[in-house]
Amino acid sequence: MPETPPPFDPDAYAALAAPLLGLAIEPDWMPPITANLRVLAAAAELVAGFALPDEVEAAPRFEA
């Protein structure tokens, strides 16, 4: 049985990812950054939770 990944923690992610990306983030910016990460995570959860039939093929290119 596959393990369930831990829930996404935007605070921990921002704190760990910033130095890896060479970003120096001032403490005052962390709340808006983590709020944005929460919104993006919720959007990603909606997309990932939308089941598609196996017959659906991925689009090779998207155009606006």
PDB file of N, CA and C in Angstrom:
ATOM      1  N   MET A   1       0.853  -1.177   0.000  1.00  0.00           N
ATOM      2  CA  MET A   1       0.000   0.000   0.000  1.00  0.00           C
ATOM      3  C   MET A   1       0.898   1.239   0.000  1.00  0.00           C
ATOM      4  N   PRO A   2       0.686   2.180  -0.949  1.00  0.00           N
ATOM      5  CA  PRO A   2       1.542   3.367  -0.999  1.00  0.00           C
ATOM      6  C   PRO A   2       1.289   4.287   0.191  1.00  0.00           C
ATOM      7  N   GLU A   3       2.368   4.939   0.602  1.00  0.00           N
ATOM      8  CA  GLU A   3       2.252   5.867   1.719  1.00  0.00           C
ATOM      9  C   GLU A   3       1.596   7.159   1.257  1.00  0.00           C
ATOM     10  N   THR A   4       0.806   7.755   2.136  1.00  0.00           N
ATOM     11  CA  THR A   4       0.198   9.049   1.845  1.00  0.00           C
ATOM     12  C   THR A   4       1.218  10.129   2.162  1.00  0.00           C
ATOM     13  N   PRO A   5       1.461  11.034   1.213  1.00  0.00           N
ATOM     14  CA  PRO A   5       2.426  12.098   1.499  1.00  0.00           C
ATOM     15  C   PRO A   5       1.882  13.031   2.573  1.00  0.00           C
ATOM     16  N   PRO A   6       2.770  13.677   3.300  1.00  0.00           N
ATOM     17  CA  PRO A   6       2.289  14.610   4.321  1.00  0.00           C
ATOM     18  C   PRO A   6       1.588  15.790   3.652  1.00  0.00           C
ATOM     19  N   PRO A   7       0.692  16.464   4.369  1.00  0.00           N
ATOM     20  CA  PRO A   7       0.024  17.618   3.773  1.00  0.00           C
ATOM     21  C   PRO A   7       1.030  18.714   3.444  1.00  0.00           C
ATOM     22  N   PHE A   8       0.718  19.497   2.430  1.00  0.00           N
ATOM     23  CA  PHE A   8       1.595  20.584   2.010  1.00  0.00           C
ATOM     24  C   PHE A   8       1.666  21.643   3.109  1.00  0.00           C
ATOM     25  N   ASP A   9       2.863  22.030   3.453  1.00  0.00           N
ATOM     26  CA  ASP A   9       3.096  23.061   4.478  1.00  0.00           C
ATOM     27  C   ASP A   9       3.783  24.244   3.798  1.00  0.00           C
ATOM     28  N   PRO A  10       3.020  25.287   3.423  1.00  0.00           N
ATOM     29  CA  PRO A  10       3.616  26.397   2.698  1.00  0.00           C
ATOM     30  C   PRO A  10       4.683  27.144   3.493  1.00  0.00           C
ATOM     31  N   ASP A  11       4.532  27.209   4.800  1.00  0.00           N
ATOM     32  CA  ASP A  11       5.537  27.892   5.626  1.00  0.00           C
ATOM     33  C   ASP A  11       6.875  27.159   5.571  1.00  0.00           C
ATOM     34  N   ALA A  12       6.826  25.846   5.741  1.00  0.00           N
ATOM     35  CA  ALA A  12       8.055  25.056   5.687  1.00  0.00           C
ATOM     36  C   ALA A  12       8.640  25.072   4.273  1.00  0.00           C
ATOM     37  N   TYR A  13       7.766  24.989   3.261  1.00  0.00           N
ATOM     38  CA  TYR A  13       8.248  24.990   1.880  1.00  0.00           C
ATOM     39  C   TYR A  13       8.985  26.290   1.561  1.00  0.00           C
ATOM     40  N   ALA A  14       8.391  27.425   1.910  1.00  0.00           N
ATOM     41  CA  ALA A  14       9.022  28.717   1.624  1.00  0.00           C
ATOM     42  C   ALA A  14      10.350  28.845   2.364  1.00  0.00           C
ATOM     43  N   ALA A  15      10.378  28.421   3.612  1.00  0.00           N
ATOM     44  CA  ALA A  15      11.604  28.528   4.407  1.00  0.00           C
ATOM     45  C   ALA A  15      12.717  27.648   3.844  1.00  0.00           C
ATOM     46  N   LEU A  16      12.367  26.480   3.327  1.00  0.00           N
ATOM     47  CA  LEU A  16      13.375  25.564   2.789  1.00  0.00           C
ATOM     48  C   LEU A  16      13.747  25.871   1.343  1.00  0.00           C
ATOM     49  N   ALA A  17      12.777  26.301   0.538  1.00  0.00           N
ATOM     50  CA  ALA A  17      13.032  26.528  -0.886  1.00  0.00           C
ATOM     51  C   ALA A  17      13.800  27.820  -1.145  1.00  0.00           C
ATOM     52  N   ALA A  18      13.560  28.852  -0.366  1.00  0.00           N
ATOM     53  CA  ALA A  18      14.202  30.150  -0.613  1.00  0.00           C
ATOM     54  C   ALA A  18      15.726  30.040  -0.648  1.00  0.00           C
ATOM     55  N   PRO A  19      16.356  29.454   0.357  1.00  0.00           N
ATOM     56  CA  PRO A  19      17.815  29.350   0.287  1.00  0.00           C
ATOM     57  C   PRO A  19      18.305  28.471  -0.863  1.00  0.00           C
ATOM     58  N   LEU A  20      17.548  27.438  -1.183  1.00  0.00           N
ATOM     59  CA  LEU A  20      17.948  26.571  -2.297  1.00  0.00           C
ATOM     60  C   LEU A  20      17.909  27.323  -3.622  1.00  0.00           C
ATOM     61  N   LEU A  21      17.009  28.303  -3.715  1.00  0.00           N
ATOM     62  CA  LEU A  21      16.896  29.099  -4.931  1.00  0.00           C
ATOM     63  C   LEU A  21      17.756  30.358  -4.879  1.00  0.00           C
ATOM     64  N   GLY A  22      18.484  30.532  -3.778  1.00  0.00           N
ATOM     65  CA  GLY A  22      19.334  31.707  -3.633  1.00  0.00           C
ATOM     66  C   GLY A  22      18.558  32.979  -3.356  1.00  0.00           C
ATOM     67  N   LEU A  23      17.374  32.836  -2.757  1.00  0.00           N
ATOM     68  CA  LEU A  23      16.537  33.993  -2.462  1.00  0.00           C
ATOM     69  C   LEU A  23      16.686  34.419  -1.003  1.00  0.00           C
ATOM     70  N   ALA A  24      16.881  35.698  -0.807  1.00  0.00           N
ATOM     71  CA  ALA A  24      16.884  36.264   0.549  1.00  0.00           C
ATOM     72  C   ALA A  24      15.538  36.947   0.735  1.00  0.00           C
ATOM     73  N   ILE A  25      14.673  36.345   1.513  1.00  0.00           N
ATOM     74  CA  ILE A  25      13.318  36.875   1.701  1.00  0.00           C
ATOM     75  C   ILE A  25      13.233  37.547   3.063  1.00  0.00           C
ATOM     76  N   GLU A  26      12.806  38.798   3.029  1.00  0.00           N
ATOM     77  CA  GLU A  26      12.628  39.529   4.280  1.00  0.00           C
ATOM     78  C   GLU A  26      11.440  38.940   5.038  1.00  0.00           C
ATOM     79  N   PRO A  27      11.523  38.889   6.360  1.00  0.00           N
ATOM     80  CA  PRO A  27      10.441  38.292   7.159  1.00  0.00           C
ATOM     81  C   PRO A  27       9.062  38.886   6.885  1.00  0.00           C
ATOM     82  N   ASP A  28       8.999  40.191   6.581  1.00  0.00           N
ATOM     83  CA  ASP A  28       7.695  40.815   6.313  1.00  0.00           C
ATOM     84  C   ASP A  28       7.021  40.261   5.058  1.00  0.00           C
ATOM     85  N   TRP A  29       7.794  39.674   4.159  1.00  0.00           N
ATOM     86  CA  TRP A  29       7.246  39.140   2.915  1.00  0.00           C
ATOM     87  C   TRP A  29       6.762  37.699   3.048  1.00  0.00           C
ATOM     88  N   MET A  30       7.137  37.012   4.105  1.00  0.00           N
ATOM     89  CA  MET A  30       6.767  35.595   4.231  1.00  0.00           C
ATOM     90  C   MET A  30       5.252  35.373   4.311  1.00  0.00           C
ATOM     91  N   PRO A  31       4.479  36.158   5.075  1.00  0.00           N
ATOM     92  CA  PRO A  31       3.022  35.905   5.085  1.00  0.00           C
ATOM     93  C   PRO A  31       2.365  36.018   3.708  1.00  0.00           C
ATOM     94  N   PRO A  32       2.663  37.064   2.907  1.00  0.00           N
ATOM     95  CA  PRO A  32       2.038  37.082   1.579  1.00  0.00           C
ATOM     96  C   PRO A  32       2.527  35.951   0.669  1.00  0.00           C
ATOM     97  N   ILE A  33       3.773  35.572   0.806  1.00  0.00           N
ATOM     98  CA  ILE A  33       4.310  34.477  -0.006  1.00  0.00           C
ATOM     99  C   ILE A  33       3.620  33.173   0.346  1.00  0.00           C
ATOM    100  N   THR A  34       3.496  32.877   1.626  1.00  0.00           N
ATOM    101  CA  THR A  34       2.857  31.619   2.033  1.00  0.00           C
ATOM    102  C   THR A  34       1.356  31.643   1.731  1.00  0.00           C
ATOM    103  N   ALA A  35       0.723  32.819   1.795  1.00  0.00           N
ATOM    104  CA  ALA A  35      -0.696  32.913   1.419  1.00  0.00           C
ATOM    105  C   ALA A  35      -0.858  32.562  -0.061  1.00  0.00           C
ATOM    106  N   ASN A  36       0.038  33.059  -0.894  1.00  0.00           N
ATOM    107  CA  ASN A  36      -0.001  32.753  -2.319  1.00  0.00           C
ATOM    108  C   ASN A  36       0.236  31.262  -2.547  1.00  0.00           C
ATOM    109  N   LEU A  37       1.164  30.677  -1.831  1.00  0.00           N
ATOM    110  CA  LEU A  37       1.413  29.237  -1.960  1.00  0.00           C
ATOM    111  C   LEU A  37       0.189  28.425  -1.564  1.00  0.00           C
ATOM    112  N   ARG A  38      -0.562  28.886  -0.557  1.00  0.00           N
ATOM    113  CA  ARG A  38      -1.793  28.190  -0.151  1.00  0.00           C
ATOM    114  C   ARG A  38      -2.828  28.223  -1.284  1.00  0.00           C
ATOM    115  N   VAL A  39      -2.970  29.386  -1.927  1.00  0.00           N
ATOM    116  CA  VAL A  39      -3.916  29.508  -3.038  1.00  0.00           C
ATOM    117  C   VAL A  39      -3.493  28.604  -4.192  1.00  0.00           C
ATOM    118  N   LEU A  40      -2.203  28.611  -4.526  1.00  0.00           N
ATOM    119  CA  LEU A  40      -1.708  27.766  -5.611  1.00  0.00           C
ATOM    120  C   LEU A  40      -1.876  26.281  -5.293  1.00  0.00           C
ATOM    121  N   ALA A  41      -1.650  25.905  -4.041  1.00  0.00           N
ATOM    122  CA  ALA A  41      -1.820  24.503  -3.642  1.00  0.00           C
ATOM    123  C   ALA A  41      -3.281  24.083  -3.758  1.00  0.00           C
ATOM    124  N   ALA A  42      -4.206  24.972  -3.395  1.00  0.00           N
ATOM    125  CA  ALA A  42      -5.634  24.652  -3.516  1.00  0.00           C
ATOM    126  C   ALA A  42      -6.017  24.487  -4.983  1.00  0.00           C
ATOM    127  N   ALA A  43      -5.490  25.343  -5.855  1.00  0.00           N
ATOM    128  CA  ALA A  43      -5.770  25.221  -7.287  1.00  0.00           C
ATOM    129  C   ALA A  43      -5.195  23.921  -7.837  1.00  0.00           C
ATOM    130  N   ALA A  44      -3.985  23.589  -7.430  1.00  0.00           N
ATOM    131  CA  ALA A  44      -3.362  22.343  -7.890  1.00  0.00           C
ATOM    132  C   ALA A  44      -4.155  21.125  -7.417  1.00  0.00           C
ATOM    133  N   GLU A  45      -4.695  21.203  -6.216  1.00  0.00           N
ATOM    134  CA  GLU A  45      -5.497  20.095  -5.688  1.00  0.00           C
ATOM    135  C   GLU A  45      -6.761  19.900  -6.525  1.00  0.00           C
ATOM    136  N   LEU A  46      -7.387  21.000  -6.943  1.00  0.00           N
ATOM    137  CA  LEU A  46      -8.571  20.896  -7.808  1.00  0.00           C
ATOM    138  C   LEU A  46      -8.228  20.232  -9.137  1.00  0.00           C
ATOM    139  N   VAL A  47      -7.136  20.647  -9.734  1.00  0.00           N
ATOM    140  CA  VAL A  47      -6.730  20.078 -11.026  1.00  0.00           C
ATOM    141  C   VAL A  47      -6.367  18.603 -10.866  1.00  0.00           C
ATOM    142  N   ALA A  48      -5.588  18.294  -9.849  1.00  0.00           N
ATOM    143  CA  ALA A  48      -5.152  16.906  -9.642  1.00  0.00           C
ATOM    144  C   ALA A  48      -6.320  15.997  -9.276  1.00  0.00           C
ATOM    145  N   GLY A  49      -7.347  16.548  -8.665  1.00  0.00           N
ATOM    146  CA  GLY A  49      -8.493  15.747  -8.249  1.00  0.00           C
ATOM    147  C   GLY A  49      -9.512  15.512  -9.342  1.00  0.00           C
ATOM    148  N   PHE A  50      -9.309  16.095 -10.522  1.00  0.00           N
ATOM    149  CA  PHE A  50     -10.238  15.936 -11.630  1.00  0.00           C
ATOM    150  C   PHE A  50      -9.850  14.700 -12.430  1.00  0.00           C
ATOM    151  N   ALA A  51     -10.643  13.676 -12.313  1.00  0.00           N
ATOM    152  CA  ALA A  51     -10.333  12.403 -12.983  1.00  0.00           C
ATOM    153  C   ALA A  51     -10.622  12.491 -14.480  1.00  0.00           C
ATOM    154  N   LEU A  52      -9.717  11.963 -15.256  1.00  0.00           N
ATOM    155  CA  LEU A  52      -9.896  11.883 -16.707  1.00  0.00           C
ATOM    156  C   LEU A  52      -9.921  10.421 -17.124  1.00  0.00           C
ATOM    157  N   PRO A  53     -10.728  10.096 -18.127  1.00  0.00           N
ATOM    158  CA  PRO A  53     -10.726   8.718 -18.612  1.00  0.00           C
ATOM    159  C   PRO A  53      -9.391   8.396 -19.279  1.00  0.00           C
ATOM    160  N   ASP A  54      -9.049   7.122 -19.308  1.00  0.00           N
ATOM    161  CA  ASP A  54      -7.788   6.679 -19.898  1.00  0.00           C
ATOM    162  C   ASP A  54      -7.700   6.997 -21.385  1.00  0.00           C
ATOM    163  N   GLU A  55      -8.850   7.147 -22.060  1.00  0.00           N
ATOM    164  CA  GLU A  55      -8.843   7.390 -23.498  1.00  0.00           C
ATOM    165  C   GLU A  55      -8.422   8.818 -23.859  1.00  0.00           C
ATOM    166  N   VAL A  56      -8.403   9.710 -22.908  1.00  0.00           N
ATOM    167  CA  VAL A  56      -8.066  11.111 -23.173  1.00  0.00           C
ATOM    168  C   VAL A  56      -6.563  11.232 -23.403  1.00  0.00           C
ATOM    169  N   GLU A  57      -6.223  11.896 -24.508  1.00  0.00           N
ATOM    170  CA  GLU A  57      -4.809  12.114 -24.817  1.00  0.00           C
ATOM    171  C   GLU A  57      -4.420  13.531 -24.429  1.00  0.00           C
ATOM    172  N   ALA A  58      -3.189  13.682 -24.004  1.00  0.00           N
ATOM    173  CA  ALA A  58      -2.705  15.009 -23.638  1.00  0.00           C
ATOM    174  C   ALA A  58      -2.570  15.868 -24.889  1.00  0.00           C
ATOM    175  N   ALA A  59      -2.885  17.147 -24.747  1.00  0.00           N
ATOM    176  CA  ALA A  59      -2.734  18.067 -25.877  1.00  0.00           C
ATOM    177  C   ALA A  59      -1.257  18.332 -26.105  1.00  0.00           C
ATOM    178  N   PRO A  60      -0.807  18.301 -27.358  1.00  0.00           N
ATOM    179  CA  PRO A  60       0.603  18.543 -27.620  1.00  0.00           C
ATOM    180  C   PRO A  60       0.983  20.015 -27.444  1.00  0.00           C
ATOM    181  N   ARG A  61      -0.018  20.914 -27.573  1.00  0.00           N
ATOM    182  CA  ARG A  61       0.276  22.344 -27.479  1.00  0.00           C
ATOM    183  C   ARG A  61      -1.020  23.088 -27.150  1.00  0.00           C
ATOM    184  N   PHE A  62      -0.892  24.081 -26.292  1.00  0.00           N
ATOM    185  CA  PHE A  62      -2.035  24.910 -25.936  1.00  0.00           C
ATOM    186  C   PHE A  62      -1.872  26.271 -26.589  1.00  0.00           C
ATOM    187  N   GLU A  63      -2.951  26.792 -27.138  1.00  0.00           N
ATOM    188  CA  GLU A  63      -2.925  28.110 -27.752  1.00  0.00           C
ATOM    189  C   GLU A  63      -4.015  28.970 -27.133  1.00  0.00           C
ATOM    190  N   ALA A  64      -3.699  30.228 -26.957  1.00  0.00           N
ATOM    191  CA  ALA A  64      -4.697  31.149 -26.385  1.00  0.00           C
ATOM    192  C   ALA A  64      -5.495  31.809 -27.475  1.00  0.00           C
TER     193      ALA A  64
END
